[in-house]
Amino acid sequence: MEELLETGTVLSIENGVAQVRLHTKEKCGECSSVFCGINEKGDNILTARTKADTKVGDSVTISIRGKTLVAATMVLYVVPMILLTIAIYVGIYALGLSELYSFGLALAVLGVHYLIVFFTGLLSKQQSQIPQIVESE
């Protein structure tokens, strides 16, 4: 199974989930991963499931499964592109709307999709989707 390994420092732990500041790499500026978040200081922060012996301040290695990256990419990029195409097609050909209104319809459909992803926590609430700390020092 393919996986992405990242290293970082544990900032906090709550209910078996840690906030980890990743050690920034040159490629971090090019990446738009859905797993990392940039805080107000410009640090890359990642949420990861902890091991029993992990403590605040530990240097850790985090594993992100390739399957998880693919699933997130599908939900955030592929599905919206398909929805956009279908909504424009339905707007123009099935509803007889102009291109402008069909585009507006497509944007509304995308908005609903992203609201569903956000409010259901589709990407964050599933424990299998959250990266795992695999090594703690």
Protein backbone atom coordinates (compact mmCIF):
# COMPACT_ATOMS: atom_id res chain seq x y z
CA MET A 1 0.00 0.00 0.00
CA GLU A 2 1.36 3.40 -0.99
CA GLU A 3 1.72 6.03 1.71
CA LEU A 4 3.07 9.52 2.20
CA LEU A 5 5.32 10.01 5.25
CA GLU A 6 5.76 13.42 6.88
CA THR A 7 7.62 14.48 10.02
CA GLY A 8 6.59 17.09 12.54
CA THR A 9 6.29 18.17 16.16
CA VAL A 10 3.20 17.56 18.32
CA LEU A 11 1.61 20.85 19.43
CA SER A 12 -1.39 19.48 21.34
CA ILE A 13 -3.30 16.27 21.98
CA GLU A 14 -7.02 15.97 22.68
CA ASN A 15 -9.15 12.80 22.63
CA GLY A 16 -6.49 10.75 20.86
CA VAL A 17 -6.05 13.31 18.08
CA ALA A 18 -2.92 15.46 17.82
CA GLN A 19 -2.24 18.78 16.15
CA VAL A 20 1.18 18.43 14.51
CA ARG A 21 3.33 21.22 13.07
CA LEU A 22 4.97 19.73 10.00
CA HIS A 23 8.61 20.32 9.25
CA THR A 24 8.29 22.48 6.16
CA LYS A 25 9.82 21.24 2.96
CA GLU A 26 10.50 23.17 -0.25
CA LYS A 27 7.58 21.45 -1.97
CA CYS A 28 5.07 22.47 0.73
CA GLY A 29 4.50 25.77 -1.07
CA GLU A 30 3.50 23.91 -4.25
CA CYS A 31 1.15 21.45 -2.56
CA SER A 32 -2.54 22.09 -1.96
CA SER A 33 -3.18 19.07 0.24
CA VAL A 34 -6.50 18.93 2.03
CA PHE A 35 -4.83 17.44 5.10
CA CYS A 36 -2.61 20.36 6.03
CA GLY A 37 -3.78 23.73 7.20
CA ILE A 38 -1.73 26.91 7.42
CA ASN A 39 -2.14 28.72 10.74
CA GLU A 40 -1.72 32.47 11.36
CA LYS A 41 2.05 32.03 11.83
CA GLY A 42 2.41 30.33 8.44
CA ASP A 43 3.06 26.86 9.92
CA ASN A 44 1.68 23.74 8.24
CA ILE A 45 -0.61 22.11 10.81
CA LEU A 46 -1.93 18.57 10.39
CA THR A 47 -4.44 16.62 12.49
CA ALA A 48 -3.39 13.01 13.14
CA ARG A 49 -4.47 10.07 15.29
CA THR A 50 -1.96 9.48 18.09
CA LYS A 51 -0.20 6.45 19.48
CA ALA A 52 -0.58 5.71 23.20
CA ASP A 53 2.91 6.96 24.08
CA THR A 54 2.79 10.24 22.11
CA LYS A 55 3.29 13.42 24.14
CA VAL A 56 3.22 17.14 23.37
CA GLY A 57 6.60 18.24 22.00
CA ASP A 58 7.46 14.81 20.54
CA SER A 59 8.96 14.61 17.09
CA VAL A 60 6.72 12.27 15.09
CA THR A 61 6.39 10.60 11.71
CA ILE A 62 2.91 10.67 10.19
CA SER A 63 1.55 8.27 7.59
CA ILE A 64 -1.07 9.36 5.06
CA ARG A 65 -2.40 6.43 3.05
CA GLY A 66 -2.45 6.79 -0.73
CA LYS A 67 -6.05 5.58 -0.75
CA THR A 68 -6.99 8.50 1.50
CA LEU A 69 -5.32 11.01 -0.82
CA VAL A 70 -7.16 9.58 -3.82
CA ALA A 71 -10.51 9.65 -1.99
CA ALA A 72 -10.00 13.28 -0.96
CA THR A 73 -9.03 14.21 -4.51
CA MET A 74 -12.16 12.54 -5.85
CA VAL A 75 -14.47 14.33 -3.39
CA LEU A 76 -12.87 17.76 -3.77
CA TYR A 77 -11.92 17.86 -7.45
CA VAL A 78 -13.32 15.07 -9.64
CA VAL A 79 -16.91 14.97 -8.35
CA PRO A 80 -17.28 18.79 -8.59
CA MET A 81 -16.00 18.75 -12.18
CA ILE A 82 -18.57 16.09 -13.10
CA LEU A 83 -21.32 18.02 -11.28
CA LEU A 84 -20.32 21.22 -13.09
CA THR A 85 -20.52 19.53 -16.48
CA ILE A 86 -23.85 17.81 -15.76
CA ALA A 87 -25.43 20.97 -14.31
CA ILE A 88 -24.46 23.07 -17.35
CA TYR A 89 -25.74 20.37 -19.70
CA VAL A 90 -29.04 20.04 -17.80
CA GLY A 91 -29.43 23.81 -17.63
CA ILE A 92 -28.94 24.32 -21.37
CA TYR A 93 -30.54 21.23 -22.89
CA ALA A 94 -33.11 20.01 -20.36
CA LEU A 95 -34.27 23.29 -18.84
CA GLY A 96 -33.66 25.52 -21.87
CA LEU A 97 -31.69 28.09 -19.87
CA SER A 98 -29.17 30.45 -21.43
CA GLU A 99 -25.48 29.72 -20.97
CA LEU A 100 -25.21 32.38 -18.28
CA TYR A 101 -28.07 30.96 -16.21
CA SER A 102 -26.80 27.42 -16.75
CA PHE A 103 -23.42 28.49 -15.41
CA GLY A 104 -25.17 30.06 -12.41
CA LEU A 105 -27.04 26.80 -11.86
CA ALA A 106 -23.73 24.89 -12.02
CA LEU A 107 -22.16 27.22 -9.44
CA ALA A 108 -25.15 26.70 -7.14
CA VAL A 109 -24.81 22.92 -7.49
CA LEU A 110 -21.10 23.16 -6.66
CA GLY A 111 -21.90 25.31 -3.65
CA VAL A 112 -24.35 22.69 -2.38
CA HIS A 113 -21.75 19.94 -2.94
CA TYR A 114 -19.08 21.78 -0.93
CA LEU A 115 -21.57 22.66 1.83
CA ILE A 116 -22.49 18.98 2.12
CA VAL A 117 -18.79 18.04 2.32
CA PHE A 118 -18.17 20.74 4.92
CA PHE A 119 -21.20 20.15 7.16
CA THR A 120 -21.11 16.36 7.04
CA GLY A 121 -17.37 16.37 7.73
CA LEU A 122 -17.02 13.86 4.94
CA LEU A 123 -13.24 14.22 4.88
CA SER A 124 -12.47 14.79 8.53
CA LYS A 125 -14.79 12.72 10.71
CA GLN A 126 -13.98 9.29 9.39
CA GLN A 127 -11.21 7.88 11.59
CA SER A 128 -9.84 5.86 8.67
CA GLN A 129 -9.35 9.10 6.73
CA ILE A 130 -7.32 10.86 9.44
CA PRO A 131 -3.55 10.44 9.09
CA GLN A 132 -1.88 8.22 11.72
CA ILE A 133 1.24 8.89 13.80
CA VAL A 134 3.40 5.85 13.10
CA GLU A 135 6.58 6.77 14.98
CA SER A 136 7.18 8.95 18.02
CA GLU A 137 10.54 10.12 19.40
